[in-house]
């Protein structure tokens, strides 16, 4: 019995630039439209940038880890995951506004 032909070619792993851009756009889009009724302020734009960079970093690390697991290189998978977590934390620390966002201020006042 002949195997069925593939309808689509097997995906090639994309690690790096393209994966980062996908994560950046996805993270920024989600962040930009959460709880937004008015135009974005400077603080909110910084939050969107931070979430976009974190999304790109996380997706790139996740893709690298998944690719390493497929190769059965578990040390590289662990390293990719750790590097991704460190990258997200560094971005958070560097771009976190010293002033709380309006939503955080509201949450503190309501508590």
PDB file of N, CA and C in Angstrom:
ATOM      1  N   UNK A   1       0.842  -1.168   0.000  1.00  0.00           N
ATOM      2  CA  UNK A   1       0.000   0.000   0.000  1.00  0.00           C
ATOM      3  C   UNK A   1       0.896   1.244   0.000  1.00  0.00           C
ATOM      4  N   UNK A   2       0.604   2.180  -0.889  1.00  0.00           N
ATOM      5  CA  UNK A   2       1.387   3.406  -0.996  1.00  0.00           C
ATOM      6  C   UNK A   2       0.968   4.400   0.075  1.00  0.00           C
ATOM      7  N   UNK A   3       1.945   5.123   0.653  1.00  0.00           N
ATOM      8  CA  UNK A   3       1.573   6.153   1.628  1.00  0.00           C
ATOM      9  C   UNK A   3       0.844   7.306   0.945  1.00  0.00           C
ATOM     10  N   UNK A   4      -0.030   7.929   1.685  1.00  0.00           N
ATOM     11  CA  UNK A   4      -0.764   9.071   1.152  1.00  0.00           C
ATOM     12  C   UNK A   4       0.183  10.240   0.932  1.00  0.00           C
ATOM     13  N   UNK A   5      -0.007  10.986  -0.139  1.00  0.00           N
ATOM     14  CA  UNK A   5       0.863  12.148  -0.371  1.00  0.00           C
ATOM     15  C   UNK A   5       0.567  13.231   0.665  1.00  0.00           C
ATOM     16  N   UNK A   6       1.587  13.954   1.020  1.00  0.00           N
ATOM     17  CA  UNK A   6       1.417  15.071   1.959  1.00  0.00           C
ATOM     18  C   UNK A   6       0.733  16.224   1.265  1.00  0.00           C
ATOM     19  N   UNK A   7      -0.237  16.784   1.940  1.00  0.00           N
ATOM     20  CA  UNK A   7      -0.920  17.944   1.379  1.00  0.00           C
ATOM     21  C   UNK A   7      -0.095  19.207   1.548  1.00  0.00           C
ATOM     22  N   UNK A   8       0.636  19.248   2.629  1.00  0.00           N
ATOM     23  CA  UNK A   8       1.477  20.406   2.892  1.00  0.00           C
ATOM     24  C   UNK A   8       2.879  19.908   3.223  1.00  0.00           C
ATOM     25  N   UNK A   9       3.899  20.650   2.839  1.00  0.00           N
ATOM     26  CA  UNK A   9       5.257  20.218   3.191  1.00  0.00           C
ATOM     27  C   UNK A   9       5.470  20.280   4.697  1.00  0.00           C
ATOM     28  N   UNK A  10       6.379  19.456   5.162  1.00  0.00           N
ATOM     29  CA  UNK A  10       6.706  19.462   6.588  1.00  0.00           C
ATOM     30  C   UNK A  10       7.283  20.823   6.954  1.00  0.00           C
ATOM     31  N   UNK A  11       6.845  21.372   8.084  1.00  0.00           N
ATOM     32  CA  UNK A  11       7.357  22.686   8.473  1.00  0.00           C
ATOM     33  C   UNK A  11       8.838  22.613   8.838  1.00  0.00           C
ATOM     34  N   UNK A  12       9.560  23.620   8.410  1.00  0.00           N
ATOM     35  CA  UNK A  12      10.968  23.705   8.796  1.00  0.00           C
ATOM     36  C   UNK A  12      11.049  24.557  10.050  1.00  0.00           C
ATOM     37  N   UNK A  13      11.868  24.153  11.002  1.00  0.00           N
ATOM     38  CA  UNK A  13      11.954  24.939  12.234  1.00  0.00           C
ATOM     39  C   UNK A  13      12.511  26.327  11.961  1.00  0.00           C
ATOM     40  N   UNK A  14      11.831  27.327  12.513  1.00  0.00           N
ATOM     41  CA  UNK A  14      12.284  28.710  12.374  1.00  0.00           C
ATOM     42  C   UNK A  14      12.658  29.211  13.748  1.00  0.00           C
ATOM     43  N   UNK A  15      13.922  29.401  13.932  1.00  0.00           N
ATOM     44  CA  UNK A  15      14.396  29.898  15.214  1.00  0.00           C
ATOM     45  C   UNK A  15      15.131  31.202  14.944  1.00  0.00           C
ATOM     46  N   UNK A  16      14.776  32.214  15.675  1.00  0.00           N
ATOM     47  CA  UNK A  16      15.476  33.476  15.512  1.00  0.00           C
ATOM     48  C   UNK A  16      14.546  34.585  15.096  1.00  0.00           C
ATOM     49  N   UNK A  17      14.958  35.321  14.076  1.00  0.00           N
ATOM     50  CA  UNK A  17      14.284  36.541  13.674  1.00  0.00           C
ATOM     51  C   UNK A  17      12.812  36.410  13.375  1.00  0.00           C
ATOM     52  N   UNK A  18      12.432  35.470  12.525  1.00  0.00           N
ATOM     53  CA  UNK A  18      11.029  35.342  12.144  1.00  0.00           C
ATOM     54  C   UNK A  18      10.166  34.959  13.337  1.00  0.00           C
ATOM     55  N   UNK A  19      10.658  34.059  14.154  1.00  0.00           N
ATOM     56  CA  UNK A  19       9.906  33.641  15.337  1.00  0.00           C
ATOM     57  C   UNK A  19       9.772  34.796  16.319  1.00  0.00           C
ATOM     58  N   UNK A  20      10.836  35.564  16.497  1.00  0.00           N
ATOM     59  CA  UNK A  20      10.780  36.711  17.399  1.00  0.00           C
ATOM     60  C   UNK A  20       9.732  37.711  16.920  1.00  0.00           C
ATOM     61  N   UNK A  21       9.715  37.989  15.626  1.00  0.00           N
ATOM     62  CA  UNK A  21       8.760  38.964  15.089  1.00  0.00           C
ATOM     63  C   UNK A  21       7.329  38.462  15.303  1.00  0.00           C
ATOM     64  N   UNK A  22       7.090  37.173  15.107  1.00  0.00           N
ATOM     65  CA  UNK A  22       5.750  36.625  15.359  1.00  0.00           C
ATOM     66  C   UNK A  22       5.338  36.840  16.803  1.00  0.00           C
ATOM     67  N   UNK A  23       6.239  36.523  17.721  1.00  0.00           N
ATOM     68  CA  UNK A  23       5.927  36.708  19.132  1.00  0.00           C
ATOM     69  C   UNK A  23       5.765  38.166  19.511  1.00  0.00           C
ATOM     70  N   UNK A  24       6.600  39.027  18.930  1.00  0.00           N
ATOM     71  CA  UNK A  24       6.515  40.461  19.206  1.00  0.00           C
ATOM     72  C   UNK A  24       5.160  41.004  18.779  1.00  0.00           C
ATOM     73  N   UNK A  25       4.752  40.687  17.551  1.00  0.00           N
ATOM     74  CA  UNK A  25       3.480  41.192  17.036  1.00  0.00           C
ATOM     75  C   UNK A  25       2.307  40.631  17.846  1.00  0.00           C
ATOM     76  N   UNK A  26       2.343  39.340  18.144  1.00  0.00           N
ATOM     77  CA  UNK A  26       1.259  38.736  18.925  1.00  0.00           C
ATOM     78  C   UNK A  26       1.168  39.358  20.314  1.00  0.00           C
ATOM     79  N   UNK A  27       2.301  39.483  20.997  1.00  0.00           N
ATOM     80  CA  UNK A  27       2.296  40.059  22.340  1.00  0.00           C
ATOM     81  C   UNK A  27       1.865  41.504  22.346  1.00  0.00           C
ATOM     82  N   UNK A  28       2.334  42.271  21.386  1.00  0.00           N
ATOM     83  CA  UNK A  28       1.975  43.693  21.318  1.00  0.00           C
ATOM     84  C   UNK A  28       0.501  43.883  20.985  1.00  0.00           C
ATOM     85  N   UNK A  29      -0.017  43.069  20.083  1.00  0.00           N
ATOM     86  CA  UNK A  29      -1.440  43.180  19.722  1.00  0.00           C
ATOM     87  C   UNK A  29      -2.335  42.872  20.920  1.00  0.00           C
ATOM     88  N   UNK A  30      -2.027  41.822  21.624  1.00  0.00           N
ATOM     89  CA  UNK A  30      -2.819  41.462  22.801  1.00  0.00           C
ATOM     90  C   UNK A  30      -2.736  42.575  23.840  1.00  0.00           C
ATOM     91  N   UNK A  31      -1.548  43.070  24.084  1.00  0.00           N
ATOM     92  CA  UNK A  31      -1.346  44.096  25.097  1.00  0.00           C
ATOM     93  C   UNK A  31      -2.005  45.419  24.717  1.00  0.00           C
ATOM     94  N   UNK A  32      -1.962  45.764  23.453  1.00  0.00           N
ATOM     95  CA  UNK A  32      -2.464  47.071  23.012  1.00  0.00           C
ATOM     96  C   UNK A  32      -3.962  47.229  23.206  1.00  0.00           C
ATOM     97  N   UNK A  33      -4.682  46.136  23.135  1.00  0.00           N
ATOM     98  CA  UNK A  33      -6.136  46.256  23.153  1.00  0.00           C
ATOM     99  C   UNK A  33      -6.783  45.735  24.428  1.00  0.00           C
ATOM    100  N   UNK A  34      -6.001  45.397  25.424  1.00  0.00           N
ATOM    101  CA  UNK A  34      -6.565  44.967  26.700  1.00  0.00           C
ATOM    102  C   UNK A  34      -6.969  46.183  27.506  1.00  0.00           C
ATOM    103  N   UNK A  35      -8.201  46.203  27.938  1.00  0.00           N
ATOM    104  CA  UNK A  35      -8.715  47.250  28.823  1.00  0.00           C
ATOM    105  C   UNK A  35      -8.446  48.659  28.296  1.00  0.00           C
ATOM    106  N   UNK A  36      -8.560  48.867  26.996  1.00  0.00           N
ATOM    107  CA  UNK A  36      -8.290  50.180  26.416  1.00  0.00           C
ATOM    108  C   UNK A  36      -9.573  50.768  25.857  1.00  0.00           C
ATOM    109  N   UNK A  37      -9.971  51.895  26.411  1.00  0.00           N
ATOM    110  CA  UNK A  37     -11.121  52.613  25.889  1.00  0.00           C
ATOM    111  C   UNK A  37     -10.685  53.930  25.253  1.00  0.00           C
ATOM    112  N   UNK A  38      -9.490  54.384  25.571  1.00  0.00           N
ATOM    113  CA  UNK A  38      -9.004  55.662  25.062  1.00  0.00           C
ATOM    114  C   UNK A  38      -7.676  55.456  24.342  1.00  0.00           C
ATOM    115  N   UNK A  39      -7.191  56.496  23.642  1.00  0.00           N
ATOM    116  CA  UNK A  39      -5.890  56.379  22.975  1.00  0.00           C
ATOM    117  C   UNK A  39      -4.783  56.049  23.978  1.00  0.00           C
ATOM    118  N   UNK A  40      -3.753  55.400  23.485  1.00  0.00           N
ATOM    119  CA  UNK A  40      -2.661  54.973  24.354  1.00  0.00           C
ATOM    120  C   UNK A  40      -1.818  56.152  24.824  1.00  0.00           C
ATOM    121  N   UNK A  41      -1.545  56.184  26.117  1.00  0.00           N
ATOM    122  CA  UNK A  41      -0.648  57.185  26.681  1.00  0.00           C
ATOM    123  C   UNK A  41       0.786  56.692  26.510  1.00  0.00           C
ATOM    124  N   UNK A  42       1.724  57.536  26.879  1.00  0.00           N
ATOM    125  CA  UNK A  42       3.137  57.153  26.793  1.00  0.00           C
ATOM    126  C   UNK A  42       3.422  55.932  27.673  1.00  0.00           C
ATOM    127  N   UNK A  43       2.840  55.907  28.850  1.00  0.00           N
ATOM    128  CA  UNK A  43       3.019  54.777  29.762  1.00  0.00           C
ATOM    129  C   UNK A  43       2.440  53.510  29.150  1.00  0.00           C
ATOM    130  N   UNK A  44       1.272  53.627  28.537  1.00  0.00           N
ATOM    131  CA  UNK A  44       0.637  52.462  27.928  1.00  0.00           C
ATOM    132  C   UNK A  44       1.430  51.976  26.706  1.00  0.00           C
ATOM    133  N   UNK A  45       1.992  52.888  25.934  1.00  0.00           N
ATOM    134  CA  UNK A  45       2.821  52.477  24.796  1.00  0.00           C
ATOM    135  C   UNK A  45       4.058  51.724  25.270  1.00  0.00           C
ATOM    136  N   UNK A  46       4.618  52.155  26.383  1.00  0.00           N
ATOM    137  CA  UNK A  46       5.771  51.465  26.948  1.00  0.00           C
ATOM    138  C   UNK A  46       5.386  50.057  27.398  1.00  0.00           C
ATOM    139  N   UNK A  47       4.178  49.916  27.954  1.00  0.00           N
ATOM    140  CA  UNK A  47       3.679  48.601  28.361  1.00  0.00           C
ATOM    141  C   UNK A  47       3.512  47.694  27.150  1.00  0.00           C
ATOM    142  N   UNK A  48       2.970  48.245  26.063  1.00  0.00           N
ATOM    143  CA  UNK A  48       2.797  47.464  24.838  1.00  0.00           C
ATOM    144  C   UNK A  48       4.150  47.017  24.286  1.00  0.00           C
ATOM    145  N   UNK A  49       5.127  47.926  24.289  1.00  0.00           N
ATOM    146  CA  UNK A  49       6.476  47.586  23.841  1.00  0.00           C
ATOM    147  C   UNK A  49       7.069  46.478  24.710  1.00  0.00           C
ATOM    148  N   UNK A  50       6.919  46.616  26.015  1.00  0.00           N
ATOM    149  CA  UNK A  50       7.457  45.612  26.952  1.00  0.00           C
ATOM    150  C   UNK A  50       6.823  44.248  26.695  1.00  0.00           C
ATOM    151  N   UNK A  51       5.513  44.219  26.552  1.00  0.00           N
ATOM    152  CA  UNK A  51       4.829  42.946  26.307  1.00  0.00           C
ATOM    153  C   UNK A  51       5.199  42.357  24.943  1.00  0.00           C
ATOM    154  N   UNK A  52       5.381  43.208  23.947  1.00  0.00           N
ATOM    155  CA  UNK A  52       5.800  42.721  22.637  1.00  0.00           C
ATOM    156  C   UNK A  52       7.179  42.093  22.671  1.00  0.00           C
ATOM    157  N   UNK A  53       8.115  42.776  23.313  1.00  0.00           N
ATOM    158  CA  UNK A  53       9.473  42.233  23.435  1.00  0.00           C
ATOM    159  C   UNK A  53       9.479  40.938  24.237  1.00  0.00           C
ATOM    160  N   UNK A  54       8.688  40.892  25.292  1.00  0.00           N
ATOM    161  CA  UNK A  54       8.616  39.676  26.088  1.00  0.00           C
ATOM    162  C   UNK A  54       7.981  38.536  25.296  1.00  0.00           C
ATOM    163  N   UNK A  55       6.953  38.838  24.518  1.00  0.00           N
ATOM    164  CA  UNK A  55       6.313  37.807  23.702  1.00  0.00           C
ATOM    165  C   UNK A  55       7.262  37.249  22.659  1.00  0.00           C
ATOM    166  N   UNK A  56       8.030  38.137  22.020  1.00  0.00           N
ATOM    167  CA  UNK A  56       9.013  37.682  21.034  1.00  0.00           C
ATOM    168  C   UNK A  56      10.098  36.834  21.663  1.00  0.00           C
ATOM    169  N   UNK A  57      10.569  37.252  22.822  1.00  0.00           N
ATOM    170  CA  UNK A  57      11.609  36.503  23.531  1.00  0.00           C
ATOM    171  C   UNK A  57      11.096  35.137  23.951  1.00  0.00           C
ATOM    172  N   UNK A  58       9.896  35.106  24.518  1.00  0.00           N
ATOM    173  CA  UNK A  58       9.331  33.839  24.996  1.00  0.00           C
ATOM    174  C   UNK A  58       9.069  32.875  23.846  1.00  0.00           C
ATOM    175  N   UNK A  59       8.517  33.375  22.741  1.00  0.00           N
ATOM    176  CA  UNK A  59       8.233  32.491  21.605  1.00  0.00           C
ATOM    177  C   UNK A  59       9.517  31.966  20.984  1.00  0.00           C
ATOM    178  N   UNK A  60      10.529  32.801  20.865  1.00  0.00           N
ATOM    179  CA  UNK A  60      11.811  32.359  20.316  1.00  0.00           C
ATOM    180  C   UNK A  60      12.436  31.292  21.209  1.00  0.00           C
ATOM    181  N   UNK A  61      12.406  31.509  22.519  1.00  0.00           N
ATOM    182  CA  UNK A  61      12.964  30.520  23.448  1.00  0.00           C
ATOM    183  C   UNK A  61      12.166  29.224  23.399  1.00  0.00           C
ATOM    184  N   UNK A  62      10.860  29.333  23.349  1.00  0.00           N
ATOM    185  CA  UNK A  62      10.019  28.140  23.272  1.00  0.00           C
ATOM    186  C   UNK A  62      10.253  27.353  21.997  1.00  0.00           C
ATOM    187  N   UNK A  63      10.418  28.050  20.890  1.00  0.00           N
ATOM    188  CA  UNK A  63      10.697  27.381  19.614  1.00  0.00           C
ATOM    189  C   UNK A  63      12.050  26.686  19.639  1.00  0.00           C
ATOM    190  N   UNK A  64      13.041  27.354  20.207  1.00  0.00           N
ATOM    191  CA  UNK A  64      14.372  26.756  20.306  1.00  0.00           C
ATOM    192  C   UNK A  64      14.335  25.526  21.215  1.00  0.00           C
ATOM    193  N   UNK A  65      13.598  25.616  22.319  1.00  0.00           N
ATOM    194  CA  UNK A  65      13.487  24.469  23.231  1.00  0.00           C
ATOM    195  C   UNK A  65      12.768  23.309  22.558  1.00  0.00           C
ATOM    196  N   UNK A  66      11.699  23.590  21.836  1.00  0.00           N
ATOM    197  CA  UNK A  66      10.953  22.528  21.148  1.00  0.00           C
ATOM    198  C   UNK A  66      11.821  21.862  20.080  1.00  0.00           C
ATOM    199  N   UNK A  67      12.583  22.666  19.357  1.00  0.00           N
ATOM    200  CA  UNK A  67      13.477  22.122  18.333  1.00  0.00           C
ATOM    201  C   UNK A  67      14.539  21.229  18.983  1.00  0.00           C
ATOM    202  N   UNK A  68      15.070  21.638  20.121  1.00  0.00           N
ATOM    203  CA  UNK A  68      16.074  20.842  20.834  1.00  0.00           C
ATOM    204  C   UNK A  68      15.478  19.532  21.340  1.00  0.00           C
ATOM    205  N   UNK A  69      14.243  19.572  21.816  1.00  0.00           N
ATOM    206  CA  UNK A  69      13.590  18.340  22.281  1.00  0.00           C
ATOM    207  C   UNK A  69      13.391  17.375  21.112  1.00  0.00           C
ATOM    208  N   UNK A  70      13.004  17.906  19.951  1.00  0.00           N
ATOM    209  CA  UNK A  70      12.854  17.032  18.764  1.00  0.00           C
ATOM    210  C   UNK A  70      14.176  16.363  18.412  1.00  0.00           C
ATOM    211  N   UNK A  71      15.296  17.055  18.668  1.00  0.00           N
ATOM    212  CA  UNK A  71      16.620  16.479  18.419  1.00  0.00           C
ATOM    213  C   UNK A  71      17.091  15.616  19.593  1.00  0.00           C
ATOM    214  N   UNK A  72      16.279  15.542  20.636  1.00  0.00           N
ATOM    215  CA  UNK A  72      16.599  14.832  21.879  1.00  0.00           C
ATOM    216  C   UNK A  72      17.832  15.427  22.566  1.00  0.00           C
ATOM    217  N   UNK A  73      17.999  16.717  22.429  1.00  0.00           N
ATOM    218  CA  UNK A  73      19.080  17.449  23.096  1.00  0.00           C
ATOM    219  C   UNK A  73      18.460  18.201  24.264  1.00  0.00           C
ATOM    220  N   UNK A  74      18.268  17.485  25.364  1.00  0.00           N
ATOM    221  CA  UNK A  74      17.527  18.025  26.496  1.00  0.00           C
ATOM    222  C   UNK A  74      18.292  19.123  27.232  1.00  0.00           C
ATOM    223  N   UNK A  75      19.591  19.062  27.212  1.00  0.00           N
ATOM    224  CA  UNK A  75      20.382  20.129  27.842  1.00  0.00           C
ATOM    225  C   UNK A  75      20.167  21.442  27.085  1.00  0.00           C
ATOM    226  N   UNK A  76      20.163  21.373  25.765  1.00  0.00           N
ATOM    227  CA  UNK A  76      19.925  22.580  24.968  1.00  0.00           C
ATOM    228  C   UNK A  76      18.502  23.091  25.171  1.00  0.00           C
ATOM    229  N   UNK A  77      17.550  22.196  25.339  1.00  0.00           N
ATOM    230  CA  UNK A  77      16.162  22.602  25.594  1.00  0.00           C
ATOM    231  C   UNK A  77      16.062  23.342  26.925  1.00  0.00           C
ATOM    232  N   UNK A  78      16.710  22.802  27.937  1.00  0.00           N
ATOM    233  CA  UNK A  78      16.709  23.447  29.243  1.00  0.00           C
ATOM    234  C   UNK A  78      17.403  24.802  29.183  1.00  0.00           C
ATOM    235  N   UNK A  79      18.500  24.870  28.471  1.00  0.00           N
ATOM    236  CA  UNK A  79      19.227  26.125  28.320  1.00  0.00           C
ATOM    237  C   UNK A  79      18.377  27.170  27.584  1.00  0.00           C
ATOM    238  N   UNK A  80      17.683  26.751  26.532  1.00  0.00           N
ATOM    239  CA  UNK A  80      16.823  27.681  25.794  1.00  0.00           C
ATOM    240  C   UNK A  80      15.697  28.199  26.677  1.00  0.00           C
ATOM    241  N   UNK A  81      15.096  27.314  27.458  1.00  0.00           N
ATOM    242  CA  UNK A  81      14.014  27.740  28.348  1.00  0.00           C
ATOM    243  C   UNK A  81      14.533  28.700  29.416  1.00  0.00           C
ATOM    244  N   UNK A  82      15.687  28.397  29.983  1.00  0.00           N
ATOM    245  CA  UNK A  82      16.266  29.276  31.010  1.00  0.00           C
ATOM    246  C   UNK A  82      16.644  30.632  30.418  1.00  0.00           C
ATOM    247  N   UNK A  83      17.223  30.617  29.221  1.00  0.00           N
ATOM    248  CA  UNK A  83      17.590  31.878  28.567  1.00  0.00           C
ATOM    249  C   UNK A  83      16.346  32.708  28.261  1.00  0.00           C
ATOM    250  N   UNK A  84      15.285  32.057  27.836  1.00  0.00           N
ATOM    251  CA  UNK A  84      14.033  32.768  27.567  1.00  0.00           C
ATOM    252  C   UNK A  84      13.455  33.396  28.824  1.00  0.00           C
ATOM    253  N   UNK A  85      13.455  32.632  29.915  1.00  0.00           N
ATOM    254  CA  UNK A  85      12.943  33.162  31.183  1.00  0.00           C
ATOM    255  C   UNK A  85      13.790  34.345  31.651  1.00  0.00           C
ATOM    256  N   UNK A  86      15.107  34.217  31.530  1.00  0.00           N
ATOM    257  CA  UNK A  86      15.993  35.314  31.915  1.00  0.00           C
ATOM    258  C   UNK A  86      15.760  36.541  31.036  1.00  0.00           C
ATOM    259  N   UNK A  87      15.576  36.317  29.748  1.00  0.00           N
ATOM    260  CA  UNK A  87      15.317  37.433  28.831  1.00  0.00           C
ATOM    261  C   UNK A  87      14.036  38.174  29.168  1.00  0.00           C
ATOM    262  N   UNK A  88      12.986  37.425  29.464  1.00  0.00           N
ATOM    263  CA  UNK A  88      11.709  38.046  29.829  1.00  0.00           C
ATOM    264  C   UNK A  88      11.867  38.855  31.121  1.00  0.00           C
ATOM    265  N   UNK A  89      12.579  38.297  32.081  1.00  0.00           N
ATOM    266  CA  UNK A  89      12.797  39.002  33.349  1.00  0.00           C
ATOM    267  C   UNK A  89      13.624  40.270  33.146  1.00  0.00           C
ATOM    268  N   UNK A  90      14.655  40.194  32.330  1.00  0.00           N
ATOM    269  CA  UNK A  90      15.489  41.377  32.056  1.00  0.00           C
ATOM    270  C   UNK A  90      14.665  42.473  31.388  1.00  0.00           C
ATOM    271  N   UNK A  91      13.849  42.086  30.420  1.00  0.00           N
ATOM    272  CA  UNK A  91      12.997  43.073  29.745  1.00  0.00           C
ATOM    273  C   UNK A  91      12.034  43.700  30.742  1.00  0.00           C
ATOM    274  N   UNK A  92      11.468  42.881  31.612  1.00  0.00           N
ATOM    275  CA  UNK A  92      10.543  43.396  32.632  1.00  0.00           C
ATOM    276  C   UNK A  92      11.235  44.413  33.522  1.00  0.00           C
ATOM    277  N   UNK A  93      12.426  44.082  33.970  1.00  0.00           N
ATOM    278  CA  UNK A  93      13.158  44.980  34.884  1.00  0.00           C
ATOM    279  C   UNK A  93      13.591  46.264  34.183  1.00  0.00           C
ATOM    280  N   UNK A  94      13.982  46.162  32.926  1.00  0.00           N
ATOM    281  CA  UNK A  94      14.487  47.347  32.222  1.00  0.00           C
ATOM    282  C   UNK A  94      13.371  48.292  31.785  1.00  0.00           C
ATOM    283  N   UNK A  95      12.247  47.736  31.384  1.00  0.00           N
ATOM    284  CA  UNK A  95      11.196  48.577  30.809  1.00  0.00           C
ATOM    285  C   UNK A  95      10.016  48.815  31.732  1.00  0.00           C
ATOM    286  N   UNK A  96      10.051  48.255  32.924  1.00  0.00           N
ATOM    287  CA  UNK A  96       8.948  48.454  33.859  1.00  0.00           C
ATOM    288  C   UNK A  96       8.936  49.911  34.296  1.00  0.00           C
ATOM    289  N   UNK A  97       7.833  50.558  34.116  1.00  0.00           N
ATOM    290  CA  UNK A  97       7.729  51.969  34.498  1.00  0.00           C
ATOM    291  C   UNK A  97       7.825  52.110  36.007  1.00  0.00           C
ATOM    292  N   UNK A  98       8.567  53.116  36.447  1.00  0.00           N
ATOM    293  CA  UNK A  98       8.651  53.386  37.882  1.00  0.00           C
ATOM    294  C   UNK A  98       7.300  53.845  38.404  1.00  0.00           C
ATOM    295  N   UNK A  99       6.566  54.484  37.538  1.00  0.00           N
ATOM    296  CA  UNK A  99       5.225  54.932  37.913  1.00  0.00           C
ATOM    297  C   UNK A  99       4.254  53.828  37.536  1.00  0.00           C
ATOM    298  N   UNK A 100       3.338  53.524  38.431  1.00  0.00           N
ATOM    299  CA  UNK A 100       2.376  52.470  38.147  1.00  0.00           C
ATOM    300  C   UNK A 100       1.447  52.897  37.023  1.00  0.00           C
ATOM    301  N   UNK A 101       0.980  51.921  36.251  1.00  0.00           N
ATOM    302  CA  UNK A 101       0.005  52.226  35.205  1.00  0.00           C
ATOM    303  C   UNK A 101      -1.312  52.629  35.861  1.00  0.00           C
ATOM    304  N   UNK A 102      -2.166  53.246  35.090  1.00  0.00           N
ATOM    305  CA  UNK A 102      -3.449  53.701  35.622  1.00  0.00           C
ATOM    306  C   UNK A 102      -4.247  52.534  36.196  1.00  0.00           C
ATOM    307  N   UNK A 103      -4.195  51.381  35.550  1.00  0.00           N
ATOM    308  CA  UNK A 103      -4.936  50.220  36.043  1.00  0.00           C
ATOM    309  C   UNK A 103      -4.401  49.754  37.396  1.00  0.00           C
ATOM    310  N   UNK A 104      -3.080  49.730  37.540  1.00  0.00           N
ATOM    311  CA  UNK A 104      -2.500  49.335  38.819  1.00  0.00           C
ATOM    312  C   UNK A 104      -2.884  50.320  39.908  1.00  0.00           C
ATOM    313  N   UNK A 105      -2.913  51.616  39.583  1.00  0.00           N
ATOM    314  CA  UNK A 105      -3.321  52.621  40.571  1.00  0.00           C
ATOM    315  C   UNK A 105      -4.773  52.389  41.007  1.00  0.00           C
ATOM    316  N   UNK A 106      -5.637  52.084  40.041  1.00  0.00           N
ATOM    317  CA  UNK A 106      -7.043  51.820  40.360  1.00  0.00           C
ATOM    318  C   UNK A 106      -7.159  50.591  41.259  1.00  0.00           C
ATOM    319  N   UNK A 107      -6.388  49.562  40.947  1.00  0.00           N
ATOM    320  CA  UNK A 107      -6.449  48.345  41.746  1.00  0.00           C
ATOM    321  C   UNK A 107      -6.023  48.598  43.191  1.00  0.00           C
ATOM    322  N   UNK A 108      -4.993  49.411  43.369  1.00  0.00           N
ATOM    323  CA  UNK A 108      -4.497  49.719  44.707  1.00  0.00           C
ATOM    324  C   UNK A 108      -5.541  50.538  45.467  1.00  0.00           C
ATOM    325  N   UNK A 109      -6.185  51.490  44.787  1.00  0.00           N
ATOM    326  CA  UNK A 109      -7.176  52.341  45.435  1.00  0.00           C
ATOM    327  C   UNK A 109      -8.408  51.546  45.828  1.00  0.00           C
ATOM    328  N   UNK A 110      -8.787  50.562  45.022  1.00  0.00           N
ATOM    329  CA  UNK A 110      -9.967  49.766  45.306  1.00  0.00           C
ATOM    330  C   UNK A 110      -9.735  48.768  46.433  1.00  0.00           C
ATOM    331  N   UNK A 111      -8.498  48.416  46.683  1.00  0.00           N
ATOM    332  CA  UNK A 111      -8.220  47.401  47.719  1.00  0.00           C
ATOM    333  C   UNK A 111      -8.370  47.933  49.115  1.00  0.00           C
TER     334      UNK A 111
END
